[in-house]
Protein backbone atom coordinates (compact mmCIF):
# COMPACT_ATOMS: atom_id res chain seq x y z
CA MET A 1 333.29 -14.75 27.40
CA LYS A 2 330.78 -12.28 26.16
CA TYR A 3 328.84 -13.18 22.93
CA GLN A 4 327.22 -10.86 20.63
CA TYR A 5 323.55 -11.33 20.18
CA ILE A 6 321.72 -9.72 17.12
CA LEU A 7 317.82 -10.03 17.10
CA GLY A 8 316.14 -9.86 13.80
CA ILE A 9 312.31 -9.07 13.50
CA ASN A 10 309.94 -8.73 10.50
CA SER A 11 306.24 -7.61 11.02
CA VAL A 12 305.68 -4.47 8.83
CA TYR A 13 303.20 -6.12 6.37
CA HIS A 14 302.63 -9.98 6.89
CA ASP A 15 304.71 -13.04 7.54
CA SER A 16 305.86 -11.71 10.83
CA ALA A 17 308.87 -13.50 12.05
CA ALA A 18 311.93 -13.19 14.36
CA ALA A 19 315.45 -14.50 14.23
CA ILE A 20 318.51 -14.38 16.59
CA ILE A 21 322.20 -14.66 15.74
CA LYS A 22 325.13 -15.25 18.05
CA ASP A 23 328.55 -14.20 16.98
CA GLY A 24 327.37 -14.13 13.43
CA MET A 25 325.85 -17.75 13.63
CA LEU A 26 322.11 -18.16 13.34
CA ILE A 27 320.82 -20.23 16.30
CA ALA A 28 316.96 -19.61 15.84
CA ALA A 29 314.40 -18.31 13.57
CA VAL A 30 310.48 -18.96 13.54
CA GLU A 31 307.50 -17.35 12.05
CA GLU A 32 304.64 -15.98 14.15
CA GLU A 33 301.79 -17.76 12.32
CA ARG A 34 303.06 -21.24 13.79
CA PHE A 35 302.21 -19.65 17.15
CA ASN A 36 299.01 -17.65 16.81
CA ARG A 37 297.64 -20.03 14.12
CA ILE A 38 296.66 -17.41 11.50
CA LYS A 39 298.28 -17.80 8.19
CA HIS A 40 300.86 -15.17 7.40
CA ALA A 41 300.43 -14.32 11.20
CA LYS A 42 298.23 -11.20 10.09
CA LYS A 43 296.89 -9.43 7.07
CA ALA A 44 298.84 -6.49 5.60
CA GLN A 45 296.90 -3.56 6.97
CA ILE A 46 297.53 0.10 7.35
CA ASP A 47 297.25 0.04 11.05
CA ASN A 48 298.87 -2.94 12.26
CA SER A 49 302.64 -2.79 11.47
CA ASP A 50 303.18 -2.52 15.16
CA GLU A 51 301.60 -5.89 15.70
CA LEU A 52 304.82 -7.43 16.78
CA PRO A 53 305.72 -11.29 16.63
CA PHE A 54 306.23 -11.36 20.45
CA ALA A 55 305.90 -15.24 20.67
CA SER A 56 308.58 -15.52 18.04
CA ILE A 57 310.81 -13.16 19.58
CA ASP A 58 310.39 -15.02 23.07
CA TYR A 59 311.31 -18.24 21.28
CA CYS A 60 314.55 -16.81 19.99
CA LEU A 61 315.49 -15.37 23.41
CA GLU A 62 314.65 -18.61 25.06
CA LYS A 63 316.83 -20.60 22.68
CA ALA A 64 319.70 -18.24 23.10
CA GLY A 65 319.46 -18.52 26.78
CA ILE A 66 319.09 -14.79 27.27
CA THR A 67 316.75 -11.71 27.81
CA MET A 68 316.03 -8.67 25.68
CA GLU A 69 318.49 -6.90 27.90
CA ASP A 70 321.08 -9.16 26.61
CA VAL A 71 320.55 -8.45 23.03
CA ASP A 72 323.41 -6.09 21.54
CA TYR A 73 321.50 -5.11 18.51
CA ILE A 74 317.79 -5.32 16.93
CA GLY A 75 317.26 -5.12 13.15
CA PHE A 76 313.76 -4.41 11.77
CA SER A 77 313.23 -5.04 8.23
CA PHE A 78 311.75 -1.67 7.19
CA ASN A 79 312.66 2.03 7.08
CA PRO A 80 309.77 4.30 7.73
CA LYS A 81 311.86 7.39 6.89
CA LYS A 82 312.77 6.11 3.55
CA ARG A 83 308.77 5.24 3.10
CA LEU A 84 308.02 8.85 4.12
CA LYS A 85 310.67 10.49 1.90
CA ASN A 86 309.45 8.90 -1.35
CA ILE A 87 305.99 8.49 -0.64
CA SER A 88 303.37 10.54 -2.88
CA VAL A 89 299.58 10.10 -3.01
CA SER A 90 298.36 7.23 -5.40
CA LYS A 91 296.15 8.01 -8.11
CA TYR A 92 294.20 4.98 -7.03
CA TYR A 93 293.38 4.03 -3.34
CA GLU A 94 290.65 3.42 -0.97
CA LYS A 95 289.77 5.95 1.62
CA ASN A 96 292.14 6.11 4.63
CA SER A 97 294.39 3.10 3.24
CA TRP A 98 297.59 2.50 1.41
CA GLY A 99 298.39 5.45 -0.80
CA SER A 100 296.04 8.02 0.85
CA LYS A 101 297.45 10.80 2.94
CA GLU A 102 295.88 9.81 6.06
CA GLY A 103 296.54 6.27 5.51
CA GLU A 104 300.30 6.76 4.92
CA GLU A 105 300.48 8.92 8.01
CA LEU A 106 298.82 6.35 10.24
CA PHE A 107 301.02 3.78 8.85
CA TYR A 108 304.16 5.95 9.48
CA LYS A 109 303.07 6.76 13.13
CA LYS A 110 302.52 3.04 13.84
CA THR A 111 305.62 1.77 12.45
CA LYS A 112 307.78 4.50 14.44
CA SER A 113 306.19 3.32 17.68
CA ILE A 114 307.82 -0.12 17.28
CA PRO A 115 310.87 0.51 19.33
CA LEU A 116 308.66 2.07 22.21
CA LYS A 117 306.48 -1.16 21.86
CA LEU A 118 309.62 -3.13 22.29
CA GLU A 119 310.57 -1.36 25.35
CA GLN A 120 307.31 -1.57 27.05
CA HIS A 121 306.98 -5.22 26.44
CA TYR A 122 310.19 -6.20 27.72
CA LYS A 123 310.77 -3.49 30.17
CA THR A 124 314.06 -2.57 29.13
CA LYS A 125 315.95 0.38 27.18
CA ILE A 126 316.90 -0.31 23.65
CA ALA A 127 317.90 2.92 22.63
CA GLY A 128 321.13 2.74 20.69
CA LYS A 129 320.39 -1.14 19.99
CA PHE A 130 317.54 -0.65 17.46
CA HIS A 131 318.21 -0.22 13.64
CA TRP A 132 315.59 0.20 10.84
CA VAL A 133 316.98 -1.88 7.85
CA ASP A 134 315.70 -1.12 4.45
CA HIS A 135 313.15 -3.90 3.33
CA HIS A 136 314.93 -4.90 0.49
CA LEU A 137 318.42 -4.96 1.95
CA ALA A 138 317.03 -7.28 4.53
CA HIS A 139 316.00 -9.44 1.68
CA ALA A 140 319.30 -9.28 0.14
CA ALA A 141 321.03 -10.00 3.35
CA SER A 142 318.89 -13.02 3.82
CA THR A 143 320.33 -14.33 0.69
CA PHE A 144 323.72 -13.20 0.07
CA PHE A 145 325.11 -12.96 3.58
CA VAL A 146 324.21 -16.46 4.45
CA SER A 147 325.00 -18.04 0.96
CA PRO A 148 328.38 -19.90 0.25
CA TYR A 149 329.60 -17.50 -2.23
CA THR A 150 332.12 -14.63 -1.81
CA GLU A 151 330.68 -12.48 -4.46
CA SER A 152 327.42 -12.53 -6.56
CA PRO A 153 324.66 -10.63 -8.25
CA ILE A 154 321.52 -10.09 -6.12
CA VAL A 155 318.04 -10.00 -7.42
CA ILE A 156 315.25 -9.20 -5.32
CA VAL A 157 311.49 -9.17 -6.36
CA ASP A 158 308.35 -8.85 -4.13
CA GLY A 159 305.20 -6.59 -3.79
CA ILE A 160 306.87 -3.64 -2.25
CA GLY A 161 309.30 -2.67 0.30
CA GLU A 162 309.20 0.99 1.24
CA ASN A 163 308.29 2.13 -2.13
CA ALA A 164 310.52 -0.08 -4.19
CA THR A 165 309.17 -3.46 -5.68
CA ALA A 166 312.40 -5.03 -6.94
CA TRP A 167 315.83 -4.34 -5.95
CA LEU A 168 319.06 -5.10 -7.94
CA GLY A 169 322.37 -5.31 -6.75
CA TYR A 170 325.54 -7.39 -5.99
CA GLY A 171 327.64 -8.66 -2.83
CA LYS A 172 331.06 -8.90 -2.30
CA ASP A 173 332.63 -10.48 0.71
CA ASN A 174 330.79 -8.66 3.85
CA LYS A 175 329.14 -5.86 1.88
CA MET A 176 326.43 -5.29 -0.51
CA PHE A 177 325.95 -2.58 -3.18
CA THR A 178 322.65 -1.31 -4.85
CA VAL A 179 322.60 -1.08 -8.85
CA LYS A 180 318.99 -0.38 -9.48
CA GLU A 181 315.48 -0.28 -7.91
CA ILE A 182 312.03 -0.52 -9.48
CA PHE A 183 309.36 1.54 -7.83
CA TYR A 184 305.69 1.23 -7.37
CA PRO A 185 303.35 0.78 -9.10
CA ASN A 186 305.56 -1.31 -11.14
CA SER A 187 305.18 -4.45 -9.04
CA ILE A 188 305.06 -8.35 -10.18
CA GLY A 189 304.21 -9.05 -6.57
CA PHE A 190 301.11 -6.83 -6.66
CA LEU A 191 300.21 -8.19 -10.07
CA TRP A 192 300.16 -11.59 -8.46
CA GLU A 193 297.98 -10.52 -5.64
CA LYS A 194 295.59 -8.68 -7.66
CA MET A 195 295.11 -11.31 -10.39
CA SER A 196 294.83 -13.99 -7.45
CA GLU A 197 291.83 -11.91 -6.33
CA PHE A 198 290.52 -11.65 -9.96
CA LEU A 199 290.37 -15.55 -10.07
CA GLY A 200 288.25 -15.75 -7.00
CA LEU A 201 291.03 -16.28 -4.45
CA SER A 202 292.81 -14.29 -1.88
CA ALA A 203 295.60 -11.96 -2.40
CA TYR A 204 297.72 -14.58 -0.58
CA ASP A 205 297.04 -17.39 -2.93
CA ALA A 206 299.81 -16.84 -5.51
CA GLY A 207 301.01 -20.20 -4.93
CA LYS A 208 297.43 -21.70 -5.99
CA VAL A 209 297.36 -19.56 -9.19
CA MET A 210 300.84 -21.08 -10.21
CA GLY A 211 299.47 -24.45 -9.79
CA LEU A 212 296.58 -23.63 -11.85
CA ALA A 213 298.66 -22.21 -14.66
CA SER A 214 300.05 -25.51 -15.63
CA TYR A 215 296.62 -26.54 -16.98
CA GLY A 216 296.12 -23.45 -19.25
CA ASP A 217 297.62 -22.03 -22.43
CA TRP A 218 299.65 -18.78 -21.92
CA LYS A 219 299.34 -18.07 -25.64
CA VAL A 220 295.79 -17.32 -25.25
CA TYR A 221 295.94 -14.08 -23.02
CA ILE A 222 299.58 -13.20 -23.47
CA ASP A 223 298.96 -10.14 -25.71
CA ALA A 224 296.32 -8.93 -22.98
CA PHE A 225 299.25 -9.03 -20.51
CA HIS A 226 301.56 -7.13 -22.73
CA LYS A 227 299.15 -4.25 -22.42
CA ILE A 228 299.62 -4.44 -18.92
CA VAL A 229 303.34 -5.22 -18.35
CA ASN A 230 305.53 -3.22 -20.82
CA TYR A 231 309.31 -3.51 -21.38
CA ASN A 232 311.88 -0.76 -22.09
CA ASP A 233 315.64 -0.56 -21.43
CA LYS A 234 315.65 2.29 -19.12
CA ASP A 235 312.81 1.04 -16.70
CA ILE A 236 313.30 -2.68 -17.39
CA PHE A 237 309.63 -3.02 -16.95
CA THR A 238 306.37 -0.96 -16.06
CA VAL A 239 303.11 -1.96 -14.97
CA ASN A 240 299.93 -0.06 -16.41
CA ASN A 241 298.00 0.89 -13.18
CA ASP A 242 295.44 2.55 -14.96
CA ILE A 243 294.38 -1.12 -15.88
CA MET A 244 295.45 -2.91 -12.53
CA ARG A 245 294.37 -0.08 -10.12
CA PHE A 246 296.31 -1.45 -7.26
CA ARG A 247 295.24 -0.76 -3.74
CA THR A 248 291.70 -0.51 -4.79
CA ASN A 249 288.80 -3.12 -5.27
CA ASP A 250 288.41 -1.92 -8.79
CA PHE A 251 288.59 -4.80 -11.44
CA SER A 252 286.72 -3.06 -14.15
CA GLN A 253 289.74 -2.57 -16.55
CA ILE A 254 291.02 -5.95 -16.01
CA GLU A 255 287.58 -7.44 -16.99
CA LYS A 256 287.60 -5.22 -20.01
CA ILE A 257 291.09 -6.15 -21.09
CA PHE A 258 290.58 -9.92 -20.69
CA GLY A 259 286.78 -10.14 -21.61
CA VAL A 260 286.26 -12.15 -18.48
CA GLN A 261 284.20 -11.23 -15.19
CA LYS A 262 285.90 -11.21 -11.89
CA LYS A 263 285.24 -14.71 -10.39
CA LYS A 264 283.24 -14.36 -7.12
CA SER A 265 284.65 -17.29 -5.38
CA ALA A 266 287.08 -20.23 -5.50
CA GLY A 267 284.76 -22.51 -6.96
CA GLU A 268 285.31 -24.40 -10.25
CA PHE A 269 287.69 -22.77 -12.52
CA THR A 270 287.07 -22.36 -16.21
CA LYS A 271 289.50 -22.76 -19.17
CA GLU A 272 289.64 -18.95 -19.28
CA HIS A 273 290.88 -18.81 -15.79
CA MET A 274 293.39 -21.53 -16.29
CA ASP A 275 294.65 -19.71 -19.51
CA ILE A 276 294.79 -16.42 -17.40
CA ALA A 277 296.97 -18.16 -14.74
CA ALA A 278 299.08 -19.71 -17.36
CA ALA A 279 299.75 -16.16 -19.37
CA MET A 280 300.52 -14.63 -15.75
CA GLN A 281 303.04 -17.23 -15.10
CA LYS A 282 304.71 -16.63 -18.68
CA ILE A 283 304.77 -12.91 -18.01
CA THR A 284 306.37 -13.39 -14.70
CA GLU A 285 309.13 -15.49 -16.20
CA LYS A 286 309.84 -12.91 -18.93
CA THR A 287 310.19 -10.21 -16.09
CA LEU A 288 312.37 -12.00 -14.12
CA LEU A 289 314.72 -12.88 -16.99
CA ARG A 290 315.21 -9.15 -18.07
CA LEU A 291 315.86 -8.23 -14.36
CA VAL A 292 318.74 -10.86 -14.21
CA ASN A 293 320.01 -9.92 -17.69
CA TYR A 294 320.13 -6.27 -16.49
CA VAL A 295 321.88 -6.74 -13.36
CA GLU A 296 324.41 -9.06 -15.15
CA THR A 297 325.48 -6.32 -17.57
CA LYS A 298 325.66 -3.83 -14.76
CA VAL A 299 327.99 -5.90 -12.46
CA LYS A 300 330.15 -7.81 -14.88
CA ASN A 301 333.04 -5.53 -14.38
CA LYS A 302 332.73 -5.35 -10.74
CA ILE A 303 332.60 -9.07 -9.71
CA GLU A 304 332.95 -12.47 -11.29
CA ILE A 305 329.47 -13.56 -12.29
CA LYS A 306 329.81 -17.44 -11.37
CA ASN A 307 326.88 -17.38 -8.75
CA LEU A 308 323.51 -15.77 -8.20
CA CYS A 309 321.60 -15.06 -5.01
CA SER A 310 317.84 -14.01 -5.06
CA ALA A 311 315.04 -13.61 -2.65
CA GLY A 312 311.52 -11.77 -2.43
CA GLY A 313 308.17 -13.25 -2.22
CA VAL A 314 307.82 -13.75 -6.16
CA ILE A 315 310.94 -15.79 -6.03
CA LEU A 316 308.73 -18.60 -4.28
CA ASN A 317 307.57 -19.25 -7.74
CA CYS A 318 309.61 -22.29 -8.43
CA ILE A 319 308.10 -22.83 -12.04
CA ALA A 320 309.33 -19.12 -13.21
CA ASN A 321 312.80 -20.04 -11.17
CA GLU A 322 313.74 -22.90 -13.32
CA PRO A 323 314.10 -20.79 -16.66
CA THR A 324 315.04 -17.86 -14.96
CA PHE A 325 318.01 -18.97 -13.12
CA LEU A 326 318.99 -22.48 -14.08
CA ILE A 327 319.58 -21.98 -17.73
CA ARG A 328 321.90 -18.95 -17.10
CA PRO A 329 325.68 -19.81 -16.94
CA TYR A 330 326.02 -19.68 -13.42
CA ASP A 331 327.98 -22.42 -11.40
CA SER A 332 325.24 -22.16 -8.75
CA VAL A 333 322.26 -20.28 -7.40
CA PHE A 334 321.20 -19.63 -3.88
CA ILE A 335 317.65 -19.08 -2.53
CA PRO A 336 316.87 -19.53 1.23
CA SER A 337 314.09 -21.55 2.55
CA ALA A 338 312.08 -18.24 3.28
CA PRO A 339 312.57 -15.72 0.40
CA ASN A 340 309.34 -14.19 1.48
CA ASP A 341 309.09 -11.42 4.20
CA ALA A 342 309.67 -13.82 7.02
CA GLY A 343 313.29 -14.22 5.78
CA THR A 344 313.92 -10.69 6.37
CA ALA A 345 313.90 -11.25 9.93
CA ILE A 346 317.13 -13.27 9.34
CA GLY A 347 318.41 -10.73 6.79
CA SER A 348 318.01 -7.64 9.10
CA ALA A 349 320.22 -9.34 11.71
CA PHE A 350 322.83 -10.36 9.19
CA TYR A 351 322.67 -7.02 7.73
CA ILE A 352 323.80 -5.43 11.00
CA TYR A 353 326.39 -7.87 11.55
CA HIS A 354 327.89 -7.56 8.16
CA GLN A 355 327.05 -4.35 6.53
CA ILE A 356 326.92 -2.17 9.56
CA LEU A 357 329.38 -3.66 12.03
CA GLY A 358 331.95 -4.90 9.27
CA LYS A 359 332.20 -8.55 10.64
CA LYS A 360 333.71 -11.28 8.61
CA ARG A 361 331.20 -13.86 7.14
CA LYS A 362 331.26 -17.52 8.55
CA PHE A 363 327.67 -18.91 8.50
CA VAL A 364 326.16 -20.71 5.64
CA TYR A 365 322.25 -21.28 5.68
CA ASP A 366 322.24 -25.17 4.61
CA HIS A 367 319.09 -26.29 6.28
CA ALA A 368 315.83 -24.81 7.33
CA TYR A 369 315.23 -26.44 10.83
CA TRP A 370 315.45 -23.29 13.13
CA GLY A 371 312.18 -23.64 15.01
CA PRO A 372 310.83 -25.26 18.21
CA GLU A 373 311.37 -29.07 18.79
CA TYR A 374 309.74 -31.18 21.60
CA LYS A 375 311.74 -33.91 23.15
CA ASN A 376 309.55 -34.53 26.55
CA GLU A 377 308.46 -38.07 26.15
CA ASN A 378 306.42 -38.11 29.50
CA GLU A 379 304.26 -35.10 27.93
CA ILE A 380 304.08 -36.95 24.55
CA LYS A 381 302.84 -40.09 26.14
CA LYS A 382 300.41 -38.11 28.21
CA LEU A 383 299.09 -36.25 25.35
CA ILE A 384 298.58 -39.49 23.56
CA ASN A 385 296.76 -41.33 26.33
CA ALA A 386 294.52 -38.23 27.01
CA ASN A 387 293.15 -38.37 23.45
CA GLY A 388 292.61 -42.27 23.70
CA LEU A 389 295.15 -43.18 20.95
CA LYS A 390 297.23 -46.28 20.75
CA TYR A 391 300.94 -46.23 20.50
CA LYS A 392 304.42 -47.96 21.00
CA LYS A 393 307.98 -46.85 20.90
CA VAL A 394 309.75 -48.21 17.86
CA LYS A 395 313.57 -48.39 17.86
CA GLU A 396 313.98 -48.35 13.92
CA ILE A 397 311.02 -45.96 13.46
CA GLU A 398 312.18 -44.95 10.05
CA LYS A 399 312.24 -48.44 8.75
CA LYS A 400 308.68 -49.00 10.08
CA THR A 401 307.43 -45.91 8.65
CA ALA A 402 308.88 -46.68 5.14
CA LYS A 403 307.21 -49.94 5.27
CA LEU A 404 303.90 -48.45 6.21
CA ILE A 405 304.23 -45.91 3.49
CA ALA A 406 305.14 -48.76 1.00
CA ASP A 407 301.85 -50.48 2.18
CA GLY A 408 299.67 -47.52 0.88
CA ASN A 409 299.45 -45.67 4.26
CA ILE A 410 299.55 -41.77 4.76
CA ILE A 411 301.71 -40.89 7.57
CA ALA A 412 301.99 -37.86 9.66
CA TRP A 413 305.47 -37.12 10.46
CA PHE A 414 306.42 -34.90 13.30
CA GLN A 415 310.07 -34.82 14.03
CA GLY A 416 312.94 -32.34 15.33
CA ARG A 417 313.05 -28.57 14.84
CA LEU A 418 310.33 -26.73 13.04
CA GLU A 419 311.14 -25.68 9.29
CA PHE A 420 311.71 -21.89 8.80
CA GLY A 421 309.75 -20.74 5.72
CA PRO A 422 306.34 -21.68 4.11
CA ARG A 423 307.34 -25.19 2.93
CA ALA A 424 307.52 -28.38 5.18
CA LEU A 425 310.80 -30.02 4.45
CA GLY A 426 310.47 -33.38 6.32
CA ASN A 427 309.84 -32.22 9.96
CA ARG A 428 306.33 -31.32 9.91
CA SER A 429 304.89 -33.33 6.89
CA PHE A 430 302.28 -35.67 5.52
CA LEU A 431 304.17 -38.46 3.68
CA ALA A 432 302.86 -40.98 1.23
CA ASP A 433 304.06 -43.21 -1.65
CA PRO A 434 304.65 -41.22 -4.69
CA ARG A 435 304.14 -44.22 -6.91
CA ARG A 436 300.40 -44.30 -6.37
CA GLN A 437 298.69 -42.70 -9.12
CA ASP A 438 295.56 -41.93 -6.81
CA MET A 439 297.35 -40.56 -3.78
CA ARG A 440 297.28 -36.94 -4.92
CA ALA A 441 293.52 -36.85 -5.05
CA VAL A 442 293.19 -38.81 -1.80
CA ILE A 443 295.33 -36.37 0.00
CA ASN A 444 294.08 -33.05 -1.77
CA GLN A 445 290.24 -34.09 -1.21
CA LYS A 446 290.11 -36.21 2.00
CA VAL A 447 293.24 -34.91 4.18
CA LYS A 448 294.18 -31.39 3.18
CA LYS A 449 290.74 -30.59 1.86
CA ARG A 450 292.08 -28.24 -0.83
CA GLU A 451 291.86 -27.77 -4.73
CA TRP A 452 292.32 -30.66 -7.11
CA PHE A 453 295.09 -28.84 -8.97
CA ARG A 454 297.51 -28.44 -6.32
CA PRO A 455 300.70 -30.49 -6.55
CA PHE A 456 302.79 -32.42 -4.15
CA ALA A 457 306.65 -32.27 -3.67
CA PRO A 458 309.04 -35.31 -4.00
CA SER A 459 311.67 -35.51 -1.37
CA VAL A 460 314.71 -37.59 -2.71
CA LEU A 461 317.85 -38.35 -1.22
CA GLU A 462 320.52 -35.86 -2.31
CA GLU A 463 322.91 -38.15 -3.94
CA ASN A 464 319.78 -39.91 -6.02
CA MET A 465 318.48 -36.53 -7.40
CA GLU A 466 320.37 -37.12 -10.75
CA ASP A 467 319.13 -40.62 -11.11
CA PHE A 468 315.64 -39.59 -11.19
CA PHE A 469 315.54 -35.97 -12.27
CA TYR A 470 317.04 -33.88 -15.20
CA ILE A 471 318.91 -31.39 -13.54
CA ARG A 472 321.50 -28.65 -14.76
CA LYS A 473 323.54 -28.36 -11.44
CA HIS A 474 323.40 -29.52 -8.10
CA LEU A 475 322.36 -26.58 -5.56
CA LEU A 476 322.24 -26.25 -1.98
CA SER A 477 318.86 -24.50 -2.44
CA ASP A 478 317.43 -27.78 -3.77
CA ARG A 479 316.93 -28.54 -0.03
CA PHE A 480 314.14 -25.99 0.16
CA MET A 481 312.05 -26.98 -2.73
CA ILE A 482 312.70 -23.80 -4.79
CA PHE A 483 313.01 -25.17 -8.05
CA ALA A 484 310.65 -27.22 -10.42
CA VAL A 485 312.58 -29.81 -12.48
CA MET A 486 311.57 -32.45 -14.91
CA PRO A 487 311.41 -36.06 -13.61
CA LYS A 488 313.12 -38.92 -15.88
CA PHE A 489 310.52 -41.40 -15.20
CA PRO A 490 307.22 -39.58 -14.57
CA GLU A 491 305.22 -43.07 -14.90
CA LYS A 492 307.33 -44.20 -11.77
CA ILE A 493 306.23 -41.35 -9.41
CA PRO A 494 302.79 -39.97 -10.75
CA ALA A 495 301.79 -38.74 -7.28
CA VAL A 496 304.29 -36.04 -7.48
CA THR A 497 304.39 -35.30 -11.04
CA HIS A 498 302.51 -32.17 -12.05
CA ILE A 499 300.34 -32.07 -15.23
CA ASP A 500 303.22 -30.01 -16.90
CA GLU A 501 305.68 -33.00 -16.10
CA THR A 502 307.48 -30.93 -13.56
CA CYS A 503 308.33 -31.78 -9.99
CA ARG A 504 308.56 -29.34 -7.10
CA VAL A 505 311.69 -31.24 -5.83
CA GLN A 506 313.26 -31.30 -2.29
CA THR A 507 316.92 -33.02 -1.92
CA VAL A 508 317.43 -34.52 1.61
CA SER A 509 320.83 -34.48 3.13
CA LYS A 510 322.04 -36.91 5.63
CA ASP A 511 324.09 -34.27 7.52
CA THR A 512 321.19 -31.85 8.08
CA ASN A 513 318.20 -34.19 8.42
CA PRO A 514 319.57 -37.70 9.18
CA LYS A 515 316.07 -39.09 10.13
CA TYR A 516 314.18 -38.13 7.39
CA TYR A 517 317.10 -39.20 5.13
CA LYS A 518 316.99 -42.88 6.65
CA LEU A 519 313.29 -42.95 6.35
CA ILE A 520 313.66 -42.23 2.49
CA GLN A 521 316.63 -44.50 2.37
CA GLU A 522 314.65 -47.33 3.86
CA PHE A 523 311.63 -46.64 1.56
CA GLY A 524 314.18 -46.82 -1.38
CA LYS A 525 315.56 -50.31 -0.11
CA ILE A 526 311.78 -51.80 -0.27
CA THR A 527 310.59 -50.01 -3.50
CA GLY A 528 313.64 -49.20 -5.57
CA ILE A 529 312.42 -45.47 -5.57
CA PRO A 530 314.37 -43.39 -2.77
CA ILE A 531 311.52 -40.71 -2.94
CA VAL A 532 308.61 -39.93 -0.85
CA LEU A 533 305.71 -37.72 -1.48
CA ASN A 534 305.94 -34.70 0.95
CA THR A 535 303.18 -32.27 1.76
CA SER A 536 302.83 -29.85 4.71
CA PHE A 537 301.50 -31.17 7.86
CA ASN A 538 298.35 -28.70 8.37
CA VAL A 539 294.80 -28.50 7.22
CA GLN A 540 293.61 -25.13 6.09
CA GLU A 541 295.88 -23.57 8.69
CA PRO A 542 299.45 -22.87 9.23
CA ILE A 543 301.96 -25.67 9.42
CA ILE A 544 301.55 -27.31 12.92
CA CYS A 545 304.17 -26.54 15.73
CA THR A 546 303.51 -28.35 18.82
CA PRO A 547 302.65 -31.97 19.56
CA GLU A 548 299.05 -30.87 20.66
CA GLU A 549 298.48 -29.44 17.35
CA ALA A 550 299.81 -32.62 15.67
CA VAL A 551 297.48 -34.88 17.70
CA ARG A 552 294.54 -32.58 16.81
CA THR A 553 295.07 -32.45 13.24
CA PHE A 554 295.68 -36.08 12.92
CA LEU A 555 292.36 -36.91 14.76
CA LYS A 556 290.72 -34.42 12.40
CA THR A 557 292.03 -35.97 9.13
CA LYS A 558 291.71 -39.62 10.29
CA ILE A 559 294.84 -40.63 8.22
CA ASP A 560 296.53 -43.96 9.02
CA TYR A 561 299.20 -43.05 11.52
CA LEU A 562 301.09 -40.44 13.09
CA VAL A 563 304.87 -40.75 14.05
CA MET A 564 306.12 -38.43 16.68
CA ASN A 565 309.71 -38.77 17.52
CA ASN A 566 310.15 -42.47 17.74
CA TYR A 567 306.49 -43.15 18.64
CA LEU A 568 304.24 -44.74 16.13
CA ILE A 569 300.66 -43.58 17.09
CA TRP A 570 297.40 -44.82 15.74
CA LEU A 571 293.50 -44.91 16.38
CA PRO A 572 292.22 -47.89 18.39
CA LYS A 573 290.52 -49.34 15.48
CA ILE A 574 293.90 -49.76 13.35
CA SER A 575 296.40 -52.38 14.18
CA GLY A 576 300.03 -51.09 15.17
């Protein structure tokens, strides 16, 4: 029987990734950063859109058991012709970079060379197989086509695609339709990038700013933000680029409007910095609500508005997602585990399968475990011995690990297939006791070596979600740590309750991650709290992928135990 394989690729800006589907079913997806060990795989630069995620592509082909020659279609999540058609020289830009004539010509040339690069690398012709997929349509496909809904409004919000910065539309069965696009420089994603830099962080540190925002008072600087972000019925929102000056290193007008100097580094944050972050968070929530309201009014006569699908880098903002989506009169909301650009690899493949080929839908994205796994016990034991570590194989490893966590130990947990998306969801995680008040400070400072204000997530058994958290509805996307909710008993789980009394919660299903489910279940039997603290298994680098990286990070952090498959591993000085 001949199967149909579609490969999806993202690499145009950052978060490079690949995914492959077989007869309409996802079988593999992975981010290039997990292989090259560079956060986001690469920085978005004018001259590197043709830097392809070959390691990710190779993994997908290997998992499918095929070669590039066997691939029927290739989807790339960017359309250079659409970019060229709508591009105009920006008012503000750096020489030979984004928005300049020379820079955009180079970007177009590099991007257009991608099919040839693939042919040269894999030594096979791909003419007729390759499809440029509009960036925001790839985002939209990454959420709607893999959702459990037959029809839904769709909201996409990020930095930029080809020229659009947000896309509003709807999906019905195996087709999607555009309602409205918002164009550069009106970009909430770029606003977060520039303000992150203003606060002394990198353009990729929006998550840190979101954590910092909870410590500030949004009312202090909200009027200043209203001079930057304006609202009207026609445009929904606009951004004053005479102030923001995107694509430049000019912060002079931002300094003037806030009366605060740009922070030079990521050292101590003042109250002013926290208040600016809080106002940034508030303006984001207001803007997202306007986008949702707009698309609702435009599609209500075309489809039944019971559900909503969303994606785009801005939708990683779990604090904004709760008031934006969950207070709406929807039965359900779906956001995938990788709403960022990595997810467009999945989206471009499904776009071809449904939108172009007209195939019926049959796949639902109900878990995030699509990457490599490592089962070779001989290789694992060899690695452990080579590093002078002690170990033993434990039959009921979940029960043993739960007891160790309840006793106050921090566990590095390495299991099954790697998660797809920026969040560790129980296969590459540091785990700890959420009941311990001091655990957040211990992990932030001694293990993760990161800012004190960064929150941790609670992983809770799916059926116990409502027992411990105030929720408006049960959502499939709760499995992906997408929404922040209020805990019913914050005093019982202080290590995972943020200063604003929210939790970035993840639900765990017995069907999709039985081992992690069993661990949490056993922890619940011991403590009465079926919740563990979960944070990504990494230290100032991408989430670990391989056993070698797991051991290296374990040795570097000097935490208590590493659990790899059914092996309990510890340093010689610690008793097993």
